[in-house]
């Protein structure tokens, strides 16, 4: 599981002091980067490689100091060297990488100075080593702590639906259909989202498929079956000699992986299709659009028309804000400075119950729950604004998914709604 920000900051402070006199790229870059990743609780060996060879534009070999495929490229220089030139050098390496290997970030450093380039947002964060403690959240993507602006017609949503759709179509072609197929896809969806949002370790599901299954896909189905069983088993009840990579997966409560499904079957193209799904950054995709996305997965004609039958977040907010949300926020504004009334108001919203009698995939429930959790966060900030410590965060979070209920006739939308609620709950807990 991901480290807390407090622990990361403690590690960052210690790291800055230990490496404050480091200067030489050739002698110190590798141990420096190993310890840098350790600040965030990331084992470099599991994700990144040193001296990754690529072909540059001039067809000569280049060697990337450190590459975490699909995430970050790091170029180190000796102290005092020009970091703008280092960035140009790093960008030259991109030509030799495959599409799914291209990093979202480039970090250049001379041990004292850091420049973090966000290639998607096209911005730069600069700081010095001693100020790393105040900049650790800029590296939250290493753990999945990413603040994203969700777009209702984001191309990433359409691409995700199309890739999952390819996998759905092939499974259906071979005869894996009906209820088992629906549950199977929901499980895969959960795993894909989990490894990008700190439920799993970063790229944990992708690495399991890459490292533990044959390229021809012949053993992928039994390996997934084994993984699903592990996810449904509490850690203390697992076999003592369980494969180490499987044992690192967390227990997933909620019965998603409880049912024993018929064994599926994969070939090389299907395995590649699943890996292509892994290459997407699922933290960009809001749980609120899971319903429309995966209904479109089940219907090939709807895949390019994602959102046609989907109630947007904007329209949902237009309904729930005047219905009850605006009134709750107005009440909060009147009592937010009253330390006696804040707990009463907190208790009041925690006892609210919501029912959508035709919930479909749960869009209304997901958005309503998210907005109530945001209100709860505001209450907690007002309550603990003087910095009082909290030993157990679960003691002060009173809202949970049990306050939301829905009725749905079809099984698949109901399962999507259930998973979407788990995921939005996890996202809000991260905040």
Protein backbone atom coordinates (compact mmCIF):
# COMPACT_ATOMS: atom_id res chain seq x y z
CA UNK A 1 0.00 0.00 0.00
CA UNK A 2 1.08 3.60 -0.61
CA UNK A 3 2.95 5.50 2.11
CA UNK A 4 1.29 8.42 3.88
CA UNK A 5 2.43 11.90 2.90
CA UNK A 6 3.80 12.44 6.42
CA UNK A 7 6.09 9.43 6.12
CA UNK A 8 7.15 10.48 2.61
CA UNK A 9 8.07 13.94 3.92
CA UNK A 10 10.12 12.43 6.74
CA UNK A 11 11.99 10.30 4.23
CA UNK A 12 12.49 13.31 1.93
CA UNK A 13 14.06 15.35 4.74
CA UNK A 14 16.43 12.52 5.61
CA UNK A 15 17.29 11.95 1.93
CA UNK A 16 18.13 15.65 1.38
CA UNK A 17 20.55 15.68 4.31
CA UNK A 18 22.26 12.43 3.34
CA UNK A 19 22.87 13.49 -0.28
CA UNK A 20 23.56 17.21 0.11
CA UNK A 21 27.25 16.89 -0.85
CA UNK A 22 26.80 14.55 -3.84
CA UNK A 23 28.27 15.84 -7.11
CA UNK A 24 29.38 13.20 -9.61
CA UNK A 25 26.99 11.68 -12.17
CA UNK A 26 29.09 8.64 -13.01
CA UNK A 27 29.79 7.62 -9.42
CA UNK A 28 26.60 8.64 -7.64
CA UNK A 29 23.63 8.69 -10.04
CA UNK A 30 22.46 5.11 -9.51
CA UNK A 31 22.56 5.00 -5.68
CA UNK A 32 21.08 8.52 -5.59
CA UNK A 33 18.09 7.48 -7.72
CA UNK A 34 17.57 4.22 -5.83
CA UNK A 35 17.26 6.19 -2.59
CA UNK A 36 15.18 8.90 -4.28
CA UNK A 37 12.53 6.36 -5.30
CA UNK A 38 12.70 4.83 -1.84
CA UNK A 39 11.51 8.17 -0.44
CA UNK A 40 8.14 7.31 -2.01
CA UNK A 41 8.25 3.65 -1.01
CA UNK A 42 8.91 2.58 -4.59
CA UNK A 43 11.30 -0.29 -5.25
CA UNK A 44 13.21 0.87 -8.33
CA UNK A 45 13.99 -2.71 -9.40
CA UNK A 46 10.31 -3.51 -9.88
CA UNK A 47 9.54 -0.65 -12.24
CA UNK A 48 12.57 1.13 -13.68
CA UNK A 49 15.79 0.23 -15.46
CA UNK A 50 19.17 1.96 -15.53
CA UNK A 51 21.08 2.66 -18.75
CA UNK A 52 18.15 1.76 -21.02
CA UNK A 53 19.49 1.62 -24.59
CA UNK A 54 17.58 3.42 -27.37
CA UNK A 55 18.18 4.50 -30.97
CA UNK A 56 18.32 8.27 -31.30
CA UNK A 57 17.24 10.28 -34.34
CA UNK A 58 20.76 10.11 -35.76
CA UNK A 59 20.58 6.28 -35.45
CA UNK A 60 23.30 6.25 -32.81
CA UNK A 61 22.78 4.40 -29.53
CA UNK A 62 21.76 6.43 -26.52
CA UNK A 63 21.52 5.34 -22.89
CA UNK A 64 18.78 6.67 -20.63
CA UNK A 65 19.98 7.06 -17.05
CA UNK A 66 16.68 5.71 -15.71
CA UNK A 67 13.44 4.75 -17.46
CA UNK A 68 10.15 3.76 -15.89
CA UNK A 69 8.20 2.85 -19.00
CA UNK A 70 5.05 4.90 -19.43
CA UNK A 71 5.81 7.00 -16.35
CA UNK A 72 9.11 8.86 -16.03
CA UNK A 73 12.50 9.30 -17.71
CA UNK A 74 15.36 10.61 -15.55
CA UNK A 75 18.54 12.23 -16.84
CA UNK A 76 21.22 12.96 -14.24
CA UNK A 77 24.17 15.35 -14.62
CA UNK A 78 27.10 16.26 -12.42
CA UNK A 79 26.60 19.25 -10.14
CA UNK A 80 26.59 22.58 -11.97
CA UNK A 81 25.85 21.18 -15.44
CA UNK A 82 23.25 22.80 -17.72
CA UNK A 83 19.88 21.16 -17.06
CA UNK A 84 18.22 22.70 -20.11
CA UNK A 85 20.71 20.84 -22.30
CA UNK A 86 20.02 17.71 -20.25
CA UNK A 87 16.30 18.05 -21.05
CA UNK A 88 17.03 18.36 -24.79
CA UNK A 89 19.16 15.23 -24.53
CA UNK A 90 16.37 13.40 -22.70
CA UNK A 91 13.77 14.38 -25.32
CA UNK A 92 16.05 13.02 -28.03
CA UNK A 93 15.72 9.59 -26.43
CA UNK A 94 11.93 9.57 -26.89
CA UNK A 95 12.33 8.80 -30.60
CA UNK A 96 13.66 5.35 -29.73
CA UNK A 97 10.80 4.34 -27.42
CA UNK A 98 7.60 2.50 -28.30
CA UNK A 99 4.30 4.31 -27.87
CA UNK A 100 3.37 2.64 -24.58
CA UNK A 101 6.89 3.23 -23.21
CA UNK A 102 6.77 7.02 -23.65
CA UNK A 103 7.01 8.74 -20.26
CA UNK A 104 4.54 11.28 -18.94
CA UNK A 105 7.35 13.11 -17.11
CA UNK A 106 11.03 13.90 -17.63
CA UNK A 107 13.13 14.68 -14.56
CA UNK A 108 16.57 16.27 -14.98
CA UNK A 109 18.85 16.91 -12.02
CA UNK A 110 22.41 17.77 -11.06
CA UNK A 111 21.89 16.42 -7.50
CA UNK A 112 21.30 19.94 -6.14
CA UNK A 113 18.73 21.26 -8.64
CA UNK A 114 15.66 19.46 -9.98
CA UNK A 115 13.51 20.23 -13.02
CA UNK A 116 10.40 18.09 -13.44
CA UNK A 117 8.80 18.43 -16.89
CA UNK A 118 5.15 17.35 -17.24
CA UNK A 119 4.95 16.39 -20.92
CA UNK A 120 1.14 16.20 -20.95
CA UNK A 121 0.39 19.49 -19.19
CA UNK A 122 3.53 21.15 -20.61
CA UNK A 123 4.64 22.71 -17.35
CA UNK A 124 7.85 22.62 -15.29
CA UNK A 125 8.43 22.41 -11.54
CA UNK A 126 11.85 23.57 -10.31
CA UNK A 127 13.28 23.19 -6.81
CA UNK A 128 16.49 22.48 -4.91
CA UNK A 129 17.38 19.31 -3.01
CA UNK A 130 16.82 20.88 0.41
CA UNK A 131 13.29 21.83 -0.70
CA UNK A 132 12.31 18.31 -1.81
CA UNK A 133 10.18 17.94 1.32
CA UNK A 134 7.92 20.74 0.06
CA UNK A 135 7.68 19.26 -3.43
CA UNK A 136 7.00 15.57 -2.80
CA UNK A 137 3.40 15.88 -3.94
CA UNK A 138 4.63 16.80 -7.41
CA UNK A 139 5.80 13.17 -7.59
CA UNK A 140 2.48 11.74 -6.46
CA UNK A 141 2.08 10.08 -9.87
CA UNK A 142 4.71 7.53 -8.75
CA UNK A 143 2.06 6.21 -6.37
CA UNK A 144 -1.09 7.03 -8.30
CA UNK A 145 -1.87 10.18 -6.29
CA UNK A 146 -2.89 12.23 -9.31
CA UNK A 147 -5.32 15.10 -9.38
CA UNK A 148 -7.15 14.86 -12.67
CA UNK A 149 -9.78 16.97 -14.35
CA UNK A 150 -12.28 14.52 -15.76
CA UNK A 151 -13.69 15.31 -19.19
CA UNK A 152 -16.99 13.77 -20.15
CA UNK A 153 -15.90 13.13 -23.74
CA UNK A 154 -12.18 12.69 -23.03
CA UNK A 155 -10.50 10.68 -25.83
CA UNK A 156 -8.96 8.53 -23.09
CA UNK A 157 -12.44 7.34 -22.14
CA UNK A 158 -13.24 6.36 -25.72
CA UNK A 159 -9.89 4.63 -26.17
CA UNK A 160 -10.40 2.65 -22.97
CA UNK A 161 -13.87 1.55 -24.08
CA UNK A 162 -12.57 0.50 -27.50
CA UNK A 163 -9.70 -1.55 -26.06
CA UNK A 164 -11.92 -3.29 -23.53
CA UNK A 165 -14.42 -3.79 -26.35
CA UNK A 166 -11.84 -5.67 -28.41
CA UNK A 167 -11.25 -8.03 -25.51
CA UNK A 168 -15.00 -8.44 -24.95
CA UNK A 169 -15.63 -9.27 -28.62
CA UNK A 170 -12.90 -11.90 -28.76
CA UNK A 171 -14.03 -13.59 -25.54
CA UNK A 172 -17.58 -13.67 -26.88
CA UNK A 173 -16.38 -15.11 -30.21
CA UNK A 174 -14.77 -18.09 -28.48
CA UNK A 175 -17.99 -18.79 -26.55
CA UNK A 176 -17.32 -17.05 -23.23
CA UNK A 177 -20.61 -15.17 -22.91
CA UNK A 178 -23.48 -14.09 -20.70
CA UNK A 179 -23.13 -13.71 -16.93
CA UNK A 180 -19.53 -15.07 -16.72
CA UNK A 181 -18.34 -12.59 -19.36
CA UNK A 182 -19.99 -9.65 -17.60
CA UNK A 183 -18.44 -10.51 -14.23
CA UNK A 184 -15.06 -11.23 -15.85
CA UNK A 185 -14.95 -7.80 -17.50
CA UNK A 186 -15.93 -6.03 -14.29
CA UNK A 187 -13.08 -7.82 -12.49
CA UNK A 188 -10.58 -6.82 -15.16
CA UNK A 189 -11.89 -3.25 -15.01
CA UNK A 190 -11.31 -3.17 -11.26
CA UNK A 191 -7.73 -4.47 -11.60
CA UNK A 192 -6.91 -1.93 -14.32
CA UNK A 193 -8.20 0.96 -12.24
CA UNK A 194 -6.68 -0.40 -9.01
CA UNK A 195 -3.08 -0.33 -10.22
CA UNK A 196 -3.33 3.35 -11.20
CA UNK A 197 -5.06 4.59 -8.04
CA UNK A 198 -2.99 3.02 -5.19
CA UNK A 199 -5.41 0.16 -4.45
CA UNK A 200 -2.68 -2.01 -5.97
CA UNK A 201 0.95 -1.00 -6.29
CA UNK A 202 1.78 0.97 -9.42
CA UNK A 203 1.74 -1.30 -12.52
CA UNK A 204 1.28 -4.37 -10.29
CA UNK A 205 -1.38 -5.97 -12.49
CA UNK A 206 0.51 -5.13 -15.70
CA UNK A 207 3.76 -6.58 -14.34
CA UNK A 208 1.96 -9.75 -13.26
CA UNK A 209 0.69 -10.32 -16.81
CA UNK A 210 3.99 -9.35 -18.43
CA UNK A 211 6.27 -11.38 -16.18
CA UNK A 212 4.16 -14.38 -15.20
CA UNK A 213 2.28 -15.33 -18.38
CA UNK A 214 3.40 -16.71 -21.74
CA UNK A 215 3.39 -14.41 -24.76
CA UNK A 216 1.08 -16.80 -26.62
CA UNK A 217 -1.57 -16.29 -23.92
CA UNK A 218 -1.89 -20.02 -23.29
CA UNK A 219 -1.61 -19.74 -19.50
CA UNK A 220 -3.17 -16.30 -18.99
CA UNK A 221 -6.65 -17.58 -18.05
CA UNK A 222 -5.47 -19.92 -15.24
CA UNK A 223 -3.09 -17.22 -13.97
CA UNK A 224 -5.97 -14.72 -13.80
CA UNK A 225 -8.13 -17.34 -12.09
CA UNK A 226 -5.41 -17.77 -9.47
CA UNK A 227 -5.10 -13.99 -9.04
CA UNK A 228 -8.86 -13.59 -8.57
CA UNK A 229 -8.78 -16.26 -5.87
CA UNK A 230 -5.89 -14.49 -4.10
CA UNK A 231 -7.73 -11.15 -4.22
CA UNK A 232 -10.71 -12.81 -2.53
CA UNK A 233 -8.58 -14.30 0.27
CA UNK A 234 -7.58 -12.29 3.39
CA UNK A 235 -3.80 -12.09 3.69
CA UNK A 236 -3.72 -14.03 6.96
CA UNK A 237 -5.59 -16.95 5.34
CA UNK A 238 -3.38 -17.29 2.27
CA UNK A 239 -0.98 -20.19 1.78
CA UNK A 240 2.38 -19.62 3.44
CA UNK A 241 4.25 -20.68 0.28
CA UNK A 242 2.18 -18.52 -2.09
CA UNK A 243 4.12 -17.04 -5.01
CA UNK A 244 5.72 -13.80 -3.80
CA UNK A 245 4.36 -11.66 -6.63
CA UNK A 246 0.82 -12.91 -5.99
CA UNK A 247 1.18 -12.49 -2.23
CA UNK A 248 1.86 -8.76 -2.69
CA UNK A 249 -1.67 -8.17 -4.01
CA UNK A 250 -4.04 -6.85 -1.32
CA UNK A 251 -7.23 -8.50 -0.15
CA UNK A 252 -10.28 -7.00 -1.90
CA UNK A 253 -13.36 -7.15 0.29
CA UNK A 254 -16.86 -6.87 -1.16
CA UNK A 255 -17.42 -10.23 -2.90
CA UNK A 256 -16.33 -8.99 -6.34
CA UNK A 257 -13.95 -11.95 -6.69
CA UNK A 258 -15.92 -14.48 -4.66
CA UNK A 259 -17.84 -16.29 -7.40
CA UNK A 260 -15.96 -19.09 -9.18
CA UNK A 261 -16.32 -18.46 -12.91
CA UNK A 262 -15.78 -20.88 -15.81
CA UNK A 263 -12.21 -20.84 -17.10
CA UNK A 264 -11.73 -18.42 -19.99
CA UNK A 265 -9.20 -18.88 -22.80
CA UNK A 266 -6.71 -16.43 -24.30
CA UNK A 267 -4.39 -16.28 -27.28
CA UNK A 268 -1.49 -13.94 -28.04
CA UNK A 269 -3.70 -11.20 -29.52
CA UNK A 270 -6.06 -11.27 -26.55
CA UNK A 271 -3.14 -11.08 -24.12
CA UNK A 272 -1.77 -8.10 -26.06
CA UNK A 273 -5.21 -6.45 -25.98
CA UNK A 274 -5.27 -6.77 -22.18
CA UNK A 275 -1.76 -5.32 -21.92
CA UNK A 276 -2.83 -2.40 -24.13
CA UNK A 277 -5.59 -1.76 -21.60
CA UNK A 278 -2.91 -1.70 -18.88
CA UNK A 279 -0.96 0.99 -20.74
CA UNK A 280 -3.85 3.46 -20.31
CA UNK A 281 -3.68 5.75 -17.27
CA UNK A 282 -6.94 4.71 -15.60
CA UNK A 283 -6.61 7.40 -12.93
CA UNK A 284 -7.74 9.84 -15.63
CA UNK A 285 -11.10 8.11 -15.96
CA UNK A 286 -13.83 9.08 -13.53
CA UNK A 287 -15.81 6.24 -11.90
CA UNK A 288 -18.90 8.29 -12.77
CA UNK A 289 -18.57 7.39 -16.46
CA UNK A 290 -17.85 3.68 -15.92
CA UNK A 291 -21.47 2.88 -16.57
CA UNK A 292 -21.73 4.45 -20.00
CA UNK A 293 -18.24 3.26 -20.89
CA UNK A 294 -18.83 -0.38 -20.18
CA UNK A 295 -22.33 -0.52 -21.50
CA UNK A 296 -20.68 0.63 -24.71
CA UNK A 297 -18.12 -2.16 -24.29
CA UNK A 298 -20.98 -4.65 -24.43
CA UNK A 299 -22.46 -2.97 -27.53
CA UNK A 300 -19.96 -2.40 -30.40
CA UNK A 301 -22.26 0.12 -32.13
CA UNK A 302 -22.11 2.45 -29.11
CA UNK A 303 -18.33 2.52 -28.64
CA UNK A 304 -17.74 5.61 -30.76
CA UNK A 305 -20.82 7.26 -29.30
CA UNK A 306 -19.75 7.11 -25.68
CA UNK A 307 -21.99 9.40 -23.66
CA UNK A 308 -25.01 9.35 -25.97
CA UNK A 309 -27.19 7.79 -23.26
CA UNK A 310 -25.18 9.09 -20.33
CA UNK A 311 -26.33 11.72 -17.84
CA UNK A 312 -23.34 14.05 -17.55
CA UNK A 313 -21.84 15.20 -14.27
CA UNK A 314 -22.94 18.74 -15.13
CA UNK A 315 -26.57 17.69 -15.47
CA UNK A 316 -26.44 15.57 -12.32
CA UNK A 317 -25.10 18.55 -10.36
CA UNK A 318 -27.86 20.75 -11.82
CA UNK A 319 -30.33 18.41 -10.17
CA UNK A 320 -28.74 17.60 -6.80
CA UNK A 321 -27.41 21.08 -5.97
CA UNK A 322 -30.81 22.83 -5.65
CA UNK A 323 -32.39 19.64 -4.31
CA UNK A 324 -30.21 19.41 -1.19
CA UNK A 325 -26.51 20.13 -1.78
CA UNK A 326 -26.67 23.94 -1.89
CA UNK A 327 -28.65 23.96 1.35
CA UNK A 328 -26.10 21.75 3.11
CA UNK A 329 -23.19 23.94 2.00
CA UNK A 330 -25.06 27.07 3.11
CA UNK A 331 -25.60 25.53 6.55
CA UNK A 332 -21.91 24.62 6.75
CA UNK A 333 -20.90 28.22 5.98
CA UNK A 334 -22.95 29.47 8.93
CA UNK A 335 -21.46 27.06 11.50
CA UNK A 336 -17.93 26.36 10.21
CA UNK A 337 -16.36 28.55 12.90
CA UNK A 338 -18.40 27.00 15.71
CA UNK A 339 -16.46 24.03 17.10
CA UNK A 340 -19.52 22.81 19.02
CA UNK A 341 -21.90 22.78 16.06
CA UNK A 342 -19.46 21.24 13.56
CA UNK A 343 -19.72 17.70 15.05
CA UNK A 344 -23.52 17.98 15.10
CA UNK A 345 -23.58 18.95 11.42
CA UNK A 346 -21.09 16.19 10.60
CA UNK A 347 -23.34 13.65 12.31
CA UNK A 348 -26.37 15.02 10.47
CA UNK A 349 -24.94 14.46 6.99
CA UNK A 350 -23.53 11.05 7.99
CA UNK A 351 -27.07 9.88 8.82
CA UNK A 352 -28.54 10.88 5.46
CA UNK A 353 -29.74 8.07 3.17
CA UNK A 354 -30.14 8.20 -0.61
CA UNK A 355 -32.01 5.87 -2.95
CA UNK A 356 -32.04 5.84 -6.74
CA UNK A 357 -34.95 3.53 -7.68
CA UNK A 358 -33.70 3.15 -11.27
CA UNK A 359 -29.97 3.55 -10.74
CA UNK A 360 -28.61 1.94 -13.91
CA UNK A 361 -24.82 2.07 -13.56
CA UNK A 362 -24.98 4.39 -10.58
CA UNK A 363 -23.99 7.76 -12.08
CA UNK A 364 -26.29 9.74 -9.75
CA UNK A 365 -25.19 7.76 -6.70
CA UNK A 366 -21.48 8.15 -7.49
CA UNK A 367 -21.66 11.93 -8.00
CA UNK A 368 -23.91 12.45 -4.97
CA UNK A 369 -21.57 10.45 -2.74
CA UNK A 370 -18.51 12.28 -4.07
CA UNK A 371 -20.06 15.69 -3.38
CA UNK A 372 -21.05 14.67 0.16
CA UNK A 373 -17.54 13.40 0.84
CA UNK A 374 -16.14 16.74 -0.38
CA UNK A 375 -18.42 18.46 2.12
CA UNK A 376 -17.18 16.12 4.84
CA UNK A 377 -13.57 16.99 3.96
CA UNK A 378 -14.44 20.68 4.38
CA UNK A 379 -15.95 19.87 7.80
CA UNK A 380 -12.82 18.00 8.87
CA UNK A 381 -10.55 20.82 7.74
CA UNK A 382 -12.60 23.31 9.73
CA UNK A 383 -12.62 20.99 12.76
CA UNK A 384 -8.88 20.30 12.72
CA UNK A 385 -7.67 23.62 11.31
CA UNK A 386 -5.33 24.16 14.27
CA UNK A 387 -3.37 21.07 13.33
CA UNK A 388 -4.60 18.67 16.00
CA UNK A 389 -3.26 15.20 15.34
CA UNK A 390 -5.49 12.26 14.43
CA UNK A 391 -4.26 8.77 15.25
CA UNK A 392 -6.80 6.87 13.14
CA UNK A 393 -8.25 8.66 10.12
CA UNK A 394 -11.10 6.12 9.97
CA UNK A 395 -12.37 7.42 13.30
CA UNK A 396 -13.14 10.84 11.83
CA UNK A 397 -14.57 9.71 8.45
CA UNK A 398 -18.24 9.08 9.19
CA UNK A 399 -19.66 8.90 5.66
CA UNK A 400 -19.50 5.59 3.81
CA UNK A 401 -21.03 3.93 0.77
CA UNK A 402 -23.74 2.24 2.84
CA UNK A 403 -25.61 5.56 2.87
CA UNK A 404 -26.25 5.12 -0.87
CA UNK A 405 -28.74 2.62 -2.29
CA UNK A 406 -30.01 1.76 -5.74
CA UNK A 407 -32.45 -0.54 -7.51
CA UNK A 408 -31.56 -2.01 -10.91
CA UNK A 409 -33.17 -4.89 -12.82
CA UNK A 410 -30.15 -5.85 -14.96
CA UNK A 411 -27.16 -7.52 -13.30
CA UNK A 412 -24.32 -5.97 -15.30
CA UNK A 413 -25.23 -2.29 -14.65
CA UNK A 414 -25.74 -3.12 -10.96
CA UNK A 415 -22.26 -4.65 -10.74
CA UNK A 416 -20.74 -1.64 -12.49
CA UNK A 417 -22.52 0.65 -10.01
CA UNK A 418 -21.16 -1.39 -7.11
CA UNK A 419 -17.57 -1.22 -8.36
CA UNK A 420 -17.89 2.49 -9.21
CA UNK A 421 -18.99 3.18 -5.63
CA UNK A 422 -16.01 1.28 -4.21
CA UNK A 423 -13.65 3.21 -6.47
CA UNK A 424 -15.06 6.68 -5.75
CA UNK A 425 -14.94 5.83 -2.04
CA UNK A 426 -11.26 4.95 -2.39
CA UNK A 427 -10.54 8.15 -4.33
CA UNK A 428 -12.16 10.26 -1.62
CA UNK A 429 -10.26 8.42 1.11
CA UNK A 430 -7.04 9.35 -0.72
CA UNK A 431 -7.97 13.03 -0.48
